[in-house]
């Protein structure tokens, strides 16, 4: 038993040492225009999905996730934050998407391929926390609250079934780029709340003596 344990430990140590030597040599091409080998890609993909599934498992999906109001609010944020990478119905490939590796999913056309691939909890977790070394940001770091993230997840769930006209209609009806959910804009004001009116600037006080000197030079009759 001890021999098996020692053998496994030595294998791990040798493997780690070899990986360190290869990394230090600079032989690994980290350019985004050179894909991973199929074996490395599958290993990274498997690790990513297991990590997301573990962390998203405890999330409570809102009961009203499929409500038209959530979908409407999520449409504006998708248009502002997501289409360059994940596209929209009938939208051609973008420059940034062509240059990213791994290529972001086309959420407008991709059908559900497995039970966890498009689950609302998975979408929420990815939007909120992002994914390292993929180009997917953690939008919560930009000030997006959980309600707005659930709104966006709700929209993403509906996106594959939308036509171009449906998509454009939802975006036009949305609140636009709003980092807070439930009808609140990202600046913290309610959508029905008018900002306080600015006070008019004070009028300059000109002494009679100064005005008299101004007129004496022949400029008093001019208007600017």
C-alpha atoms as a PDB file:
ATOM      1  CA  UNK A   1       0.000   0.000   0.000  1.00  0.00           C
ATOM      2  CA  UNK A   2       2.848   2.357   0.895  1.00  0.00           C
ATOM      3  CA  UNK A   3       4.559   1.553  -2.414  1.00  0.00           C
ATOM      4  CA  UNK A   4       1.413   2.468  -4.337  1.00  0.00           C
ATOM      5  CA  UNK A   5       1.103   5.728  -2.424  1.00  0.00           C
ATOM      6  CA  UNK A   6       4.772   6.608  -2.949  1.00  0.00           C
ATOM      7  CA  UNK A   7       4.509   5.728  -6.656  1.00  0.00           C
ATOM      8  CA  UNK A   8       1.446   7.944  -7.104  1.00  0.00           C
ATOM      9  CA  UNK A   9       3.124  10.791  -5.235  1.00  0.00           C
ATOM     10  CA  UNK A  10       6.261  10.525  -7.384  1.00  0.00           C
ATOM     11  CA  UNK A  11       4.124  10.554 -10.540  1.00  0.00           C
ATOM     12  CA  UNK A  12       2.428  13.752  -9.410  1.00  0.00           C
ATOM     13  CA  UNK A  13       5.746  15.376  -8.506  1.00  0.00           C
ATOM     14  CA  UNK A  14       7.338  14.407 -11.829  1.00  0.00           C
ATOM     15  CA  UNK A  15       4.293  15.607 -13.730  1.00  0.00           C
ATOM     16  CA  UNK A  16       4.304  18.951 -11.938  1.00  0.00           C
ATOM     17  CA  UNK A  17       8.025  19.305 -12.526  1.00  0.00           C
ATOM     18  CA  UNK A  18       7.683  18.558 -16.227  1.00  0.00           C
ATOM     19  CA  UNK A  19       4.825  21.045 -16.574  1.00  0.00           C
ATOM     20  CA  UNK A  20       6.916  23.710 -14.820  1.00  0.00           C
ATOM     21  CA  UNK A  21       9.888  23.108 -17.130  1.00  0.00           C
ATOM     22  CA  UNK A  22       7.696  23.283 -20.248  1.00  0.00           C
ATOM     23  CA  UNK A  23       6.016  26.485 -19.031  1.00  0.00           C
ATOM     24  CA  UNK A  24       9.349  28.100 -18.138  1.00  0.00           C
ATOM     25  CA  UNK A  25      10.782  27.247 -21.558  1.00  0.00           C
ATOM     26  CA  UNK A  26       8.170  29.371 -23.334  1.00  0.00           C
ATOM     27  CA  UNK A  27       7.270  26.497 -25.649  1.00  0.00           C
ATOM     28  CA  UNK A  28       3.565  26.878 -24.914  1.00  0.00           C
ATOM     29  CA  UNK A  29       1.959  29.229 -27.427  1.00  0.00           C
ATOM     30  CA  UNK A  30      -0.563  31.371 -25.548  1.00  0.00           C
ATOM     31  CA  UNK A  31      -1.691  33.290 -28.649  1.00  0.00           C
ATOM     32  CA  UNK A  32      -5.476  33.374 -29.056  1.00  0.00           C
ATOM     33  CA  UNK A  33      -5.064  32.495 -32.741  1.00  0.00           C
ATOM     34  CA  UNK A  34      -3.547  29.086 -31.922  1.00  0.00           C
ATOM     35  CA  UNK A  35      -6.108  26.640 -30.472  1.00  0.00           C
ATOM     36  CA  UNK A  36      -5.445  24.127 -27.723  1.00  0.00           C
ATOM     37  CA  UNK A  37      -4.971  20.509 -28.649  1.00  0.00           C
ATOM     38  CA  UNK A  38      -8.262  18.556 -28.516  1.00  0.00           C
ATOM     39  CA  UNK A  39      -7.129  16.774 -25.342  1.00  0.00           C
ATOM     40  CA  UNK A  40      -6.253  19.998 -23.512  1.00  0.00           C
ATOM     41  CA  UNK A  41      -9.456  21.698 -24.708  1.00  0.00           C
ATOM     42  CA  UNK A  42     -11.635  18.812 -23.488  1.00  0.00           C
ATOM     43  CA  UNK A  43      -9.864  18.774 -20.126  1.00  0.00           C
ATOM     44  CA  UNK A  44     -10.335  22.526 -19.645  1.00  0.00           C
ATOM     45  CA  UNK A  45     -13.961  22.332 -20.777  1.00  0.00           C
ATOM     46  CA  UNK A  46     -14.675  19.484 -18.363  1.00  0.00           C
ATOM     47  CA  UNK A  47     -13.063  21.333 -15.455  1.00  0.00           C
ATOM     48  CA  UNK A  48     -14.966  24.521 -16.286  1.00  0.00           C
ATOM     49  CA  UNK A  49     -18.350  22.808 -16.413  1.00  0.00           C
ATOM     50  CA  UNK A  50     -17.750  20.890 -13.186  1.00  0.00           C
ATOM     51  CA  UNK A  51     -16.701  24.092 -11.421  1.00  0.00           C
ATOM     52  CA  UNK A  52     -19.763  26.021 -12.614  1.00  0.00           C
ATOM     53  CA  UNK A  53     -22.157  23.171 -11.805  1.00  0.00           C
ATOM     54  CA  UNK A  54     -20.824  22.891  -8.262  1.00  0.00           C
ATOM     55  CA  UNK A  55     -21.154  26.612  -7.534  1.00  0.00           C
ATOM     56  CA  UNK A  56     -24.503  27.112  -9.269  1.00  0.00           C
ATOM     57  CA  UNK A  57     -26.139  24.133  -7.588  1.00  0.00           C
ATOM     58  CA  UNK A  58     -27.250  26.075  -4.513  1.00  0.00           C
ATOM     59  CA  UNK A  59     -28.791  29.025  -6.355  1.00  0.00           C
ATOM     60  CA  UNK A  60     -32.515  29.644  -5.975  1.00  0.00           C
ATOM     61  CA  UNK A  61     -34.032  30.568  -9.329  1.00  0.00           C
ATOM     62  CA  UNK A  62     -36.754  33.245  -8.992  1.00  0.00           C
ATOM     63  CA  UNK A  63     -40.258  31.888  -9.518  1.00  0.00           C
ATOM     64  CA  UNK A  64     -41.051  34.691 -11.949  1.00  0.00           C
ATOM     65  CA  UNK A  65     -37.938  34.159 -14.079  1.00  0.00           C
ATOM     66  CA  UNK A  66     -40.002  33.570 -17.217  1.00  0.00           C
ATOM     67  CA  UNK A  67     -42.163  36.670 -16.770  1.00  0.00           C
ATOM     68  CA  UNK A  68     -42.379  39.037 -19.758  1.00  0.00           C
ATOM     69  CA  UNK A  69     -41.292  41.913 -17.510  1.00  0.00           C
ATOM     70  CA  UNK A  70     -37.994  40.262 -16.598  1.00  0.00           C
ATOM     71  CA  UNK A  71     -37.350  39.342 -20.222  1.00  0.00           C
ATOM     72  CA  UNK A  72     -38.119  42.914 -21.294  1.00  0.00           C
ATOM     73  CA  UNK A  73     -35.695  44.403 -18.763  1.00  0.00           C
ATOM     74  CA  UNK A  74     -32.999  41.894 -19.639  1.00  0.00           C
ATOM     75  CA  UNK A  75     -33.184  42.742 -23.345  1.00  0.00           C
ATOM     76  CA  UNK A  76     -31.696  46.201 -22.878  1.00  0.00           C
ATOM     77  CA  UNK A  77     -28.677  44.927 -20.969  1.00  0.00           C
ATOM     78  CA  UNK A  78     -28.079  42.159 -23.494  1.00  0.00           C
ATOM     79  CA  UNK A  79     -28.066  44.691 -26.322  1.00  0.00           C
ATOM     80  CA  UNK A  80     -25.645  46.940 -24.439  1.00  0.00           C
ATOM     81  CA  UNK A  81     -23.325  44.357 -22.925  1.00  0.00           C
ATOM     82  CA  UNK A  82     -23.480  41.020 -24.737  1.00  0.00           C
ATOM     83  CA  UNK A  83     -24.116  41.174 -28.483  1.00  0.00           C
ATOM     84  CA  UNK A  84     -20.507  41.827 -29.535  1.00  0.00           C
ATOM     85  CA  UNK A  85     -19.535  38.410 -28.185  1.00  0.00           C
ATOM     86  CA  UNK A  86     -22.763  36.396 -28.149  1.00  0.00           C
ATOM     87  CA  UNK A  87     -24.563  38.005 -31.110  1.00  0.00           C
ATOM     88  CA  UNK A  88     -28.265  38.607 -31.783  1.00  0.00           C
ATOM     89  CA  UNK A  89     -30.752  37.037 -34.233  1.00  0.00           C
ATOM     90  CA  UNK A  90     -29.514  37.303 -37.840  1.00  0.00           C
ATOM     91  CA  UNK A  91     -26.459  39.291 -36.703  1.00  0.00           C
ATOM     92  CA  UNK A  92     -23.213  38.584 -38.598  1.00  0.00           C
ATOM     93  CA  UNK A  93     -20.106  37.550 -36.700  1.00  0.00           C
ATOM     94  CA  UNK A  94     -18.353  40.438 -34.971  1.00  0.00           C
ATOM     95  CA  UNK A  95     -14.678  41.383 -35.095  1.00  0.00           C
ATOM     96  CA  UNK A  96     -14.144  40.801 -31.393  1.00  0.00           C
ATOM     97  CA  UNK A  97     -15.880  37.408 -31.448  1.00  0.00           C
ATOM     98  CA  UNK A  98     -13.720  36.245 -34.343  1.00  0.00           C
ATOM     99  CA  UNK A  99     -10.601  37.071 -32.341  1.00  0.00           C
ATOM    100  CA  UNK A 100     -11.595  35.492 -29.021  1.00  0.00           C
ATOM    101  CA  UNK A 101     -10.510  32.009 -27.993  1.00  0.00           C
ATOM    102  CA  UNK A 102     -12.389  30.022 -26.999  1.00  0.00           C
ATOM    103  CA  UNK A 103     -15.062  31.457 -29.282  1.00  0.00           C
ATOM    104  CA  UNK A 104     -18.044  32.698 -27.240  1.00  0.00           C
ATOM    105  CA  UNK A 105     -21.280  30.833 -27.766  1.00  0.00           C
ATOM    106  CA  UNK A 106     -23.787  32.270 -30.206  1.00  0.00           C
ATOM    107  CA  UNK A 107     -26.637  32.520 -27.724  1.00  0.00           C
ATOM    108  CA  UNK A 108     -29.102  33.608 -30.395  1.00  0.00           C
ATOM    109  CA  UNK A 109     -28.977  30.279 -32.231  1.00  0.00           C
ATOM    110  CA  UNK A 110     -27.532  27.663 -29.919  1.00  0.00           C
ATOM    111  CA  UNK A 111     -30.070  25.083 -28.880  1.00  0.00           C
ATOM    112  CA  UNK A 112     -29.985  23.399 -25.501  1.00  0.00           C
ATOM    113  CA  UNK A 113     -27.596  20.471 -25.924  1.00  0.00           C
ATOM    114  CA  UNK A 114     -27.491  19.145 -22.369  1.00  0.00           C
ATOM    115  CA  UNK A 115     -29.484  19.612 -19.204  1.00  0.00           C
ATOM    116  CA  UNK A 116     -27.037  21.991 -17.526  1.00  0.00           C
ATOM    117  CA  UNK A 117     -25.747  23.887 -20.548  1.00  0.00           C
ATOM    118  CA  UNK A 118     -28.478  26.554 -20.548  1.00  0.00           C
ATOM    119  CA  UNK A 119     -29.934  26.296 -17.064  1.00  0.00           C
ATOM    120  CA  UNK A 120     -30.955  29.661 -15.532  1.00  0.00           C
ATOM    121  CA  UNK A 121     -28.720  29.064 -12.499  1.00  0.00           C
ATOM    122  CA  UNK A 122     -25.736  28.408 -14.760  1.00  0.00           C
ATOM    123  CA  UNK A 123     -26.407  31.543 -16.792  1.00  0.00           C
ATOM    124  CA  UNK A 124     -26.777  33.620 -13.617  1.00  0.00           C
ATOM    125  CA  UNK A 125     -23.529  32.330 -12.125  1.00  0.00           C
ATOM    126  CA  UNK A 126     -21.533  32.968 -15.303  1.00  0.00           C
ATOM    127  CA  UNK A 127     -22.934  36.484 -15.768  1.00  0.00           C
ATOM    128  CA  UNK A 128     -22.250  37.376 -12.148  1.00  0.00           C
ATOM    129  CA  UNK A 129     -18.804  35.812 -11.669  1.00  0.00           C
ATOM    130  CA  UNK A 130     -17.372  35.552 -15.193  1.00  0.00           C
ATOM    131  CA  UNK A 131     -14.882  32.907 -16.328  1.00  0.00           C
ATOM    132  CA  UNK A 132     -11.118  33.255 -15.986  1.00  0.00           C
ATOM    133  CA  UNK A 133      -9.007  33.533 -19.160  1.00  0.00           C
ATOM    134  CA  UNK A 134     -12.036  33.430 -21.457  1.00  0.00           C
ATOM    135  CA  UNK A 135     -12.964  37.074 -22.023  1.00  0.00           C
ATOM    136  CA  UNK A 136     -16.186  36.625 -20.023  1.00  0.00           C
ATOM    137  CA  UNK A 137     -16.265  39.379 -17.366  1.00  0.00           C
ATOM    138  CA  UNK A 138     -17.774  39.242 -13.885  1.00  0.00           C
ATOM    139  CA  UNK A 139     -20.536  41.791 -14.461  1.00  0.00           C
ATOM    140  CA  UNK A 140     -21.224  42.085 -10.734  1.00  0.00           C
ATOM    141  CA  UNK A 141     -17.842  43.816 -10.440  1.00  0.00           C
ATOM    142  CA  UNK A 142     -19.187  46.511 -12.753  1.00  0.00           C
ATOM    143  CA  UNK A 143     -22.071  47.270 -10.402  1.00  0.00           C
ATOM    144  CA  UNK A 144     -24.760  44.936 -11.767  1.00  0.00           C
ATOM    145  CA  UNK A 145     -27.016  43.732  -8.947  1.00  0.00           C
ATOM    146  CA  UNK A 146     -28.524  40.258  -8.637  1.00  0.00           C
ATOM    147  CA  UNK A 147     -31.989  41.275  -9.827  1.00  0.00           C
ATOM    148  CA  UNK A 148     -30.599  42.742 -13.037  1.00  0.00           C
ATOM    149  CA  UNK A 149     -28.481  39.611 -13.530  1.00  0.00           C
ATOM    150  CA  UNK A 150     -31.566  37.405 -13.155  1.00  0.00           C
ATOM    151  CA  UNK A 151     -33.339  39.659 -15.689  1.00  0.00           C
ATOM    152  CA  UNK A 152     -30.494  39.084 -18.137  1.00  0.00           C
ATOM    153  CA  UNK A 153     -30.537  35.346 -17.467  1.00  0.00           C
ATOM    154  CA  UNK A 154     -34.292  35.361 -18.144  1.00  0.00           C
ATOM    155  CA  UNK A 155     -33.721  37.057 -21.486  1.00  0.00           C
ATOM    156  CA  UNK A 156     -30.919  34.654 -22.461  1.00  0.00           C
ATOM    157  CA  UNK A 157     -33.304  31.740 -21.835  1.00  0.00           C
ATOM    158  CA  UNK A 158     -35.755  33.187 -24.381  1.00  0.00           C
ATOM    159  CA  UNK A 159     -33.220  34.434 -26.918  1.00  0.00           C
ATOM    160  CA  UNK A 160     -32.833  31.305 -29.134  1.00  0.00           C
ATOM    161  CA  UNK A 161     -36.537  31.410 -30.022  1.00  0.00           C
ATOM    162  CA  UNK A 162     -36.623  35.102 -30.994  1.00  0.00           C
ATOM    163  CA  UNK A 163     -36.731  36.444 -34.530  1.00  0.00           C
ATOM    164  CA  UNK A 164     -34.819  39.584 -35.477  1.00  0.00           C
ATOM    165  CA  UNK A 165     -38.034  41.619 -35.282  1.00  0.00           C
ATOM    166  CA  UNK A 166     -38.936  40.136 -31.881  1.00  0.00           C
ATOM    167  CA  UNK A 167     -35.462  40.946 -30.565  1.00  0.00           C
ATOM    168  CA  UNK A 168     -35.543  44.534 -31.787  1.00  0.00           C
ATOM    169  CA  UNK A 169     -39.025  45.054 -30.340  1.00  0.00           C
ATOM    170  CA  UNK A 170     -37.922  43.832 -26.898  1.00  0.00           C
ATOM    171  CA  UNK A 171     -34.823  46.022 -26.936  1.00  0.00           C
ATOM    172  CA  UNK A 172     -36.886  49.066 -27.943  1.00  0.00           C
ATOM    173  CA  UNK A 173     -39.333  48.397 -25.091  1.00  0.00           C
ATOM    174  CA  UNK A 174     -36.598  47.821 -22.490  1.00  0.00           C
ATOM    175  CA  UNK A 175     -35.128  50.251 -19.982  1.00  0.00           C
ATOM    176  CA  UNK A 176     -31.839  50.213 -21.873  1.00  0.00           C
ATOM    177  CA  UNK A 177     -28.565  49.676 -20.065  1.00  0.00           C
ATOM    178  CA  UNK A 178     -29.669  49.398 -16.416  1.00  0.00           C
ATOM    179  CA  UNK A 179     -27.501  47.757 -13.783  1.00  0.00           C
ATOM    180  CA  UNK A 180     -30.295  47.469 -11.226  1.00  0.00           C
ATOM    181  CA  UNK A 181     -33.346  45.270 -11.678  1.00  0.00           C
ATOM    182  CA  UNK A 182     -37.047  45.806 -11.033  1.00  0.00           C
ATOM    183  CA  UNK A 183     -37.263  49.056 -12.986  1.00  0.00           C
ATOM    184  CA  UNK A 184     -34.267  50.810 -11.444  1.00  0.00           C
ATOM    185  CA  UNK A 185     -31.587  52.366 -13.599  1.00  0.00           C
ATOM    186  CA  UNK A 186     -27.898  51.934 -12.995  1.00  0.00           C
ATOM    187  CA  UNK A 187     -27.515  55.429 -11.562  1.00  0.00           C
ATOM    188  CA  UNK A 188     -29.695  54.516  -8.591  1.00  0.00           C
ATOM    189  CA  UNK A 189     -32.787  56.528  -9.638  1.00  0.00           C
ATOM    190  CA  UNK A 190     -36.162  54.897 -10.107  1.00  0.00           C
ATOM    191  CA  UNK A 191     -37.353  54.978 -13.706  1.00  0.00           C
ATOM    192  CA  UNK A 192     -40.332  57.145 -12.640  1.00  0.00           C
ATOM    193  CA  UNK A 193     -38.331  59.451 -10.412  1.00  0.00           C
ATOM    194  CA  UNK A 194     -37.288  62.784 -11.865  1.00  0.00           C
ATOM    195  CA  UNK A 195     -33.827  63.988 -10.877  1.00  0.00           C
ATOM    196  CA  UNK A 196     -33.779  67.086  -8.681  1.00  0.00           C
ATOM    197  CA  UNK A 197     -33.772  70.320 -10.642  1.00  0.00           C
ATOM    198  CA  UNK A 198     -30.457  72.119 -10.659  1.00  0.00           C
ATOM    199  CA  UNK A 199     -30.368  75.498  -8.918  1.00  0.00           C
ATOM    200  CA  UNK A 200     -29.815  78.435 -11.283  1.00  0.00           C
ATOM    201  CA  UNK A 201     -26.298  79.885 -11.075  1.00  0.00           C
ATOM    202  CA  UNK A 202     -26.042  83.106  -9.057  1.00  0.00           C
ATOM    203  CA  UNK A 203     -26.035  86.313 -11.063  1.00  0.00           C
ATOM    204  CA  UNK A 204     -22.782  88.248 -10.945  1.00  0.00           C
ATOM    205  CA  UNK A 205     -22.843  91.372  -8.845  1.00  0.00           C
ATOM    206  CA  UNK A 206     -21.356  94.402 -10.563  1.00  0.00           C
ATOM    207  CA  UNK A 207     -20.691  97.507  -8.550  1.00  0.00           C
ATOM    208  CA  UNK A 208     -21.989 100.833  -9.946  1.00  0.00           C
ATOM    209  CA  UNK A 209     -18.439 102.161 -10.052  1.00  0.00           C
ATOM    210  CA  UNK A 210     -17.223  99.241 -12.138  1.00  0.00           C
ATOM    211  CA  UNK A 211     -20.183  99.569 -14.508  1.00  0.00           C
ATOM    212  CA  UNK A 212     -19.461 103.259 -14.911  1.00  0.00           C
ATOM    213  CA  UNK A 213     -15.829 102.563 -15.799  1.00  0.00           C
ATOM    214  CA  UNK A 214     -16.990  99.943 -18.344  1.00  0.00           C
ATOM    215  CA  UNK A 215     -19.282 102.483 -20.040  1.00  0.00           C
ATOM    216  CA  UNK A 216     -16.607 105.151 -20.032  1.00  0.00           C
ATOM    217  CA  UNK A 217     -14.540 103.000 -22.413  1.00  0.00           C
ATOM    218  CA  UNK A 218     -17.356 102.828 -24.925  1.00  0.00           C
ATOM    219  CA  UNK A 219     -18.247  99.142 -24.336  1.00  0.00           C
ATOM    220  CA  UNK A 220     -21.449  99.582 -22.340  1.00  0.00           C
ATOM    221  CA  UNK A 221     -23.681  99.555 -25.444  1.00  0.00           C
ATOM    222  CA  UNK A 222     -22.340  96.236 -26.755  1.00  0.00           C
ATOM    223  CA  UNK A 223     -24.241  92.966 -26.105  1.00  0.00           C
ATOM    224  CA  UNK A 224     -22.408  89.612 -26.048  1.00  0.00           C
END
